[in-house]
Amino acid sequence: MFEKSPKSYTDLLGKTNRIVEGTIIQGNISSPADFRLDGHLIGNFQSKGKLVIGPAGMVKGDVICKNADIEGVFEGKIQVLEILNIKSKAHIKGEVICGKLSVEPGAEFSATCVMKPQVKNLPHDGQSTEEKAS
């Protein structure tokens, strides 16, 4: 009578997972919904939604997501399907692959960057889009 059916991805839209400041995660995260990270992640992250790395947030690893806003520290490889916004206090080191890029003045951006607006889907098994094409 009061059983709740599991929510689909469309029901998760607008919901945001959150890792608060002071939390340190060593490992990989996979999420179908949006994600805000104000703590530290040492590992890989994959999401079908948006990733926000807050001003106190830090990621060391590989990231694959639909959209991203970075205000903290990122080291590694990031693949963003649509728009990557890099805020003025961000520190980015590594490799960036994105559809569109926005960098505010003051951001530290020490990365190789490839813009690929023609990429239409995210890899789901850890392979990059280039690896799937070959």
C-alpha atoms as a PDB file:
ATOM      1  CA  MET A   1       0.000   0.000   0.000  1.00  0.00           C
ATOM      2  CA  PHE A   2       2.750   2.469   0.920  1.00  0.00           C
ATOM      3  CA  GLU A   3       5.512   0.945  -1.146  1.00  0.00           C
ATOM      4  CA  LYS A   4       7.631   3.479  -2.991  1.00  0.00           C
ATOM      5  CA  SER A   5       8.985   2.517  -6.364  1.00  0.00           C
ATOM      6  CA  PRO A   6      12.640   3.348  -7.068  1.00  0.00           C
ATOM      7  CA  LYS A   7      13.058   6.762  -8.620  1.00  0.00           C
ATOM      8  CA  SER A   8      14.255   6.972 -12.183  1.00  0.00           C
ATOM      9  CA  TYR A   9      17.042   9.245 -13.397  1.00  0.00           C
ATOM     10  CA  THR A  10      14.486  11.841 -14.491  1.00  0.00           C
ATOM     11  CA  ASP A  11      13.247  12.023 -10.886  1.00  0.00           C
ATOM     12  CA  LEU A  12      16.814  12.673  -9.732  1.00  0.00           C
ATOM     13  CA  LEU A  13      17.198  15.759 -11.915  1.00  0.00           C
ATOM     14  CA  GLY A  14      17.538  18.828  -9.736  1.00  0.00           C
ATOM     15  CA  LYS A  15      18.860  16.728  -6.831  1.00  0.00           C
ATOM     16  CA  THR A  16      22.473  17.256  -5.830  1.00  0.00           C
ATOM     17  CA  ASN A  17      24.833  14.938  -3.968  1.00  0.00           C
ATOM     18  CA  ARG A  18      27.193  16.800  -1.650  1.00  0.00           C
ATOM     19  CA  ILE A  19      30.540  16.066  -0.046  1.00  0.00           C
ATOM     20  CA  VAL A  20      31.211  18.702   2.613  1.00  0.00           C
ATOM     21  CA  GLU A  21      34.444  20.520   3.447  1.00  0.00           C
ATOM     22  CA  GLY A  22      36.821  18.469   5.576  1.00  0.00           C
ATOM     23  CA  THR A  23      35.755  15.123   4.059  1.00  0.00           C
ATOM     24  CA  ILE A  24      38.447  13.115   2.268  1.00  0.00           C
ATOM     25  CA  ILE A  25      37.454  10.297  -0.086  1.00  0.00           C
ATOM     26  CA  GLN A  26      40.004   7.876  -1.513  1.00  0.00           C
ATOM     27  CA  GLY A  27      38.353   5.886  -4.261  1.00  0.00           C
ATOM     28  CA  ASN A  28      36.049   6.272  -7.236  1.00  0.00           C
ATOM     29  CA  ILE A  29      32.638   7.948  -7.363  1.00  0.00           C
ATOM     30  CA  SER A  30      29.920   7.259  -9.916  1.00  0.00           C
ATOM     31  CA  SER A  31      26.656   9.209  -9.822  1.00  0.00           C
ATOM     32  CA  PRO A  32      23.694   9.639 -12.183  1.00  0.00           C
ATOM     33  CA  ALA A  33      22.814  13.014 -10.625  1.00  0.00           C
ATOM     34  CA  ASP A  34      24.513  16.374 -10.049  1.00  0.00           C
ATOM     35  CA  PHE A  35      27.345  16.463  -7.510  1.00  0.00           C
ATOM     36  CA  ARG A  36      28.917  19.211  -5.375  1.00  0.00           C
ATOM     37  CA  LEU A  37      32.346  18.535  -3.899  1.00  0.00           C
ATOM     38  CA  ASP A  38      33.686  20.814  -1.172  1.00  0.00           C
ATOM     39  CA  GLY A  39      35.922  18.103   0.304  1.00  0.00           C
ATOM     40  CA  HIS A  40      38.826  16.200  -1.238  1.00  0.00           C
ATOM     41  CA  LEU A  41      38.591  13.318  -3.718  1.00  0.00           C
ATOM     42  CA  ILE A  42      41.635  11.227  -4.530  1.00  0.00           C
ATOM     43  CA  GLY A  43      40.304   8.972  -7.260  1.00  0.00           C
ATOM     44  CA  ASN A  44      38.101   9.057 -10.330  1.00  0.00           C
ATOM     45  CA  PHE A  45      34.664  10.611 -10.743  1.00  0.00           C
ATOM     46  CA  GLN A  46      31.953   9.903 -13.316  1.00  0.00           C
ATOM     47  CA  SER A  47      28.511  11.505 -13.590  1.00  0.00           C
ATOM     48  CA  LYS A  48      25.739  11.982 -16.125  1.00  0.00           C
ATOM     49  CA  GLY A  49      25.044  15.332 -14.474  1.00  0.00           C
ATOM     50  CA  LYS A  50      26.983  18.398 -13.380  1.00  0.00           C
ATOM     51  CA  LEU A  51      30.046  18.427 -11.129  1.00  0.00           C
ATOM     52  CA  VAL A  52      30.760  21.480  -8.982  1.00  0.00           C
ATOM     53  CA  ILE A  53      34.123  21.645  -7.215  1.00  0.00           C
ATOM     54  CA  GLY A  54      33.701  24.344  -4.569  1.00  0.00           C
ATOM     55  CA  PRO A  55      36.405  26.783  -3.401  1.00  0.00           C
ATOM     56  CA  ALA A  56      37.606  24.352  -0.698  1.00  0.00           C
ATOM     57  CA  GLY A  57      37.240  21.303  -2.972  1.00  0.00           C
ATOM     58  CA  MET A  58      40.071  19.311  -4.514  1.00  0.00           C
ATOM     59  CA  VAL A  59      40.136  16.432  -7.004  1.00  0.00           C
ATOM     60  CA  LYS A  60      43.201  14.375  -7.952  1.00  0.00           C
ATOM     61  CA  GLY A  61      42.157  11.893 -10.604  1.00  0.00           C
ATOM     62  CA  ASP A  62      40.134  11.554 -13.777  1.00  0.00           C
ATOM     63  CA  VAL A  63      36.689  13.107 -14.219  1.00  0.00           C
ATOM     64  CA  ILE A  64      33.980  12.418 -16.806  1.00  0.00           C
ATOM     65  CA  CYS A  65      30.765  14.458 -16.599  1.00  0.00           C
ATOM     66  CA  LYS A  66      28.170  16.382 -18.581  1.00  0.00           C
ATOM     67  CA  ASN A  67      28.939  19.889 -17.202  1.00  0.00           C
ATOM     68  CA  ALA A  68      31.405  21.190 -14.624  1.00  0.00           C
ATOM     69  CA  ASP A  69      32.094  24.305 -12.549  1.00  0.00           C
ATOM     70  CA  ILE A  70      35.511  24.386 -10.899  1.00  0.00           C
ATOM     71  CA  GLU A  71      36.353  26.878  -8.194  1.00  0.00           C
ATOM     72  CA  GLY A  72      38.851  24.763  -6.231  1.00  0.00           C
ATOM     73  CA  VAL A  73      41.797  22.568  -7.227  1.00  0.00           C
ATOM     74  CA  PHE A  74      41.817  19.936  -9.968  1.00  0.00           C
ATOM     75  CA  GLU A  75      44.737  17.718 -11.009  1.00  0.00           C
ATOM     76  CA  GLY A  76      44.267  15.043 -13.644  1.00  0.00           C
ATOM     77  CA  LYS A  77      42.238  14.502 -16.803  1.00  0.00           C
ATOM     78  CA  ILE A  78      38.754  15.975 -17.123  1.00  0.00           C
ATOM     79  CA  GLN A  79      36.285  15.214 -19.915  1.00  0.00           C
ATOM     80  CA  VAL A  80      33.226  17.454 -20.018  1.00  0.00           C
ATOM     81  CA  LEU A  81      30.543  16.748 -22.606  1.00  0.00           C
ATOM     82  CA  GLU A  82      29.102  20.266 -22.693  1.00  0.00           C
ATOM     83  CA  ILE A  83      30.416  23.304 -20.755  1.00  0.00           C
ATOM     84  CA  LEU A  84      33.395  23.575 -18.398  1.00  0.00           C
ATOM     85  CA  ASN A  85      33.361  26.768 -16.289  1.00  0.00           C
ATOM     86  CA  ILE A  86      36.617  27.607 -14.542  1.00  0.00           C
ATOM     87  CA  LYS A  87      36.149  30.243 -11.839  1.00  0.00           C
ATOM     88  CA  SER A  88      38.682  32.938 -10.931  1.00  0.00           C
ATOM     89  CA  LYS A  89      40.091  31.108  -7.861  1.00  0.00           C
ATOM     90  CA  ALA A  90      40.460  27.715  -9.585  1.00  0.00           C
ATOM     91  CA  HIS A  91      43.761  25.851 -10.045  1.00  0.00           C
ATOM     92  CA  ILE A  92      43.740  23.375 -12.942  1.00  0.00           C
ATOM     93  CA  LYS A  93      46.640  21.075 -13.862  1.00  0.00           C
ATOM     94  CA  GLY A  94      46.521  18.237 -16.337  1.00  0.00           C
ATOM     95  CA  GLU A  95      44.426  17.524 -19.415  1.00  0.00           C
ATOM     96  CA  VAL A  96      41.075  19.034 -20.408  1.00  0.00           C
ATOM     97  CA  ILE A  97      38.659  17.757 -23.058  1.00  0.00           C
ATOM     98  CA  CYS A  98      35.408  19.690 -23.318  1.00  0.00           C
ATOM     99  CA  GLY A  99      32.663  20.899 -25.627  1.00  0.00           C
ATOM    100  CA  LYS A 100      32.863  24.548 -24.533  1.00  0.00           C
ATOM    101  CA  LEU A 101      35.259  26.288 -22.154  1.00  0.00           C
ATOM    102  CA  SER A 102      34.835  29.376 -19.987  1.00  0.00           C
ATOM    103  CA  VAL A 103      37.806  30.639 -17.952  1.00  0.00           C
ATOM    104  CA  GLU A 104      37.449  33.632 -15.621  1.00  0.00           C
ATOM    105  CA  PRO A 105      40.380  36.043 -15.251  1.00  0.00           C
ATOM    106  CA  GLY A 106      42.595  35.058 -12.324  1.00  0.00           C
ATOM    107  CA  ALA A 107      42.243  31.295 -12.748  1.00  0.00           C
ATOM    108  CA  GLU A 108      45.409  29.194 -12.871  1.00  0.00           C
ATOM    109  CA  PHE A 109      45.085  27.006 -15.961  1.00  0.00           C
ATOM    110  CA  SER A 110      48.133  24.803 -16.608  1.00  0.00           C
ATOM    111  CA  ALA A 111      46.648  22.133 -18.830  1.00  0.00           C
ATOM    112  CA  THR A 112      46.437  20.871 -22.355  1.00  0.00           C
ATOM    113  CA  CYS A 113      42.999  21.586 -23.758  1.00  0.00           C
ATOM    114  CA  VAL A 114      41.024  20.036 -26.599  1.00  0.00           C
ATOM    115  CA  MET A 115      37.574  21.322 -27.458  1.00  0.00           C
ATOM    116  CA  LYS A 116      35.361  18.721 -29.120  1.00  0.00           C
ATOM    117  CA  PRO A 117      31.847  20.063 -29.610  1.00  0.00           C
ATOM    118  CA  GLN A 118      30.979  17.093 -31.819  1.00  0.00           C
ATOM    119  CA  VAL A 119      31.254  14.570 -28.941  1.00  0.00           C
ATOM    120  CA  LYS A 120      27.705  13.396 -28.269  1.00  0.00           C
ATOM    121  CA  ASN A 121      27.911  10.743 -25.564  1.00  0.00           C
ATOM    122  CA  LEU A 122      29.912   9.940 -22.485  1.00  0.00           C
ATOM    123  CA  PRO A 123      31.839   6.679 -22.254  1.00  0.00           C
ATOM    124  CA  HIS A 124      30.221   4.307 -19.773  1.00  0.00           C
ATOM    125  CA  ASP A 125      32.922   1.685 -19.296  1.00  0.00           C
ATOM    126  CA  GLY A 126      36.028   3.737 -18.561  1.00  0.00           C
ATOM    127  CA  GLN A 127      37.103   4.004 -22.208  1.00  0.00           C
ATOM    128  CA  SER A 128      37.521   7.395 -23.786  1.00  0.00           C
ATOM    129  CA  THR A 129      35.442   8.298 -26.829  1.00  0.00           C
ATOM    130  CA  GLU A 130      38.547   7.984 -29.021  1.00  0.00           C
ATOM    131  CA  GLU A 131      39.175   4.417 -27.794  1.00  0.00           C
ATOM    132  CA  LYS A 132      35.584   3.434 -28.634  1.00  0.00           C
ATOM    133  CA  ALA A 133      35.946   4.851 -32.156  1.00  0.00           C
ATOM    134  CA  SER A 134      38.997   2.735 -32.951  1.00  0.00           C
END
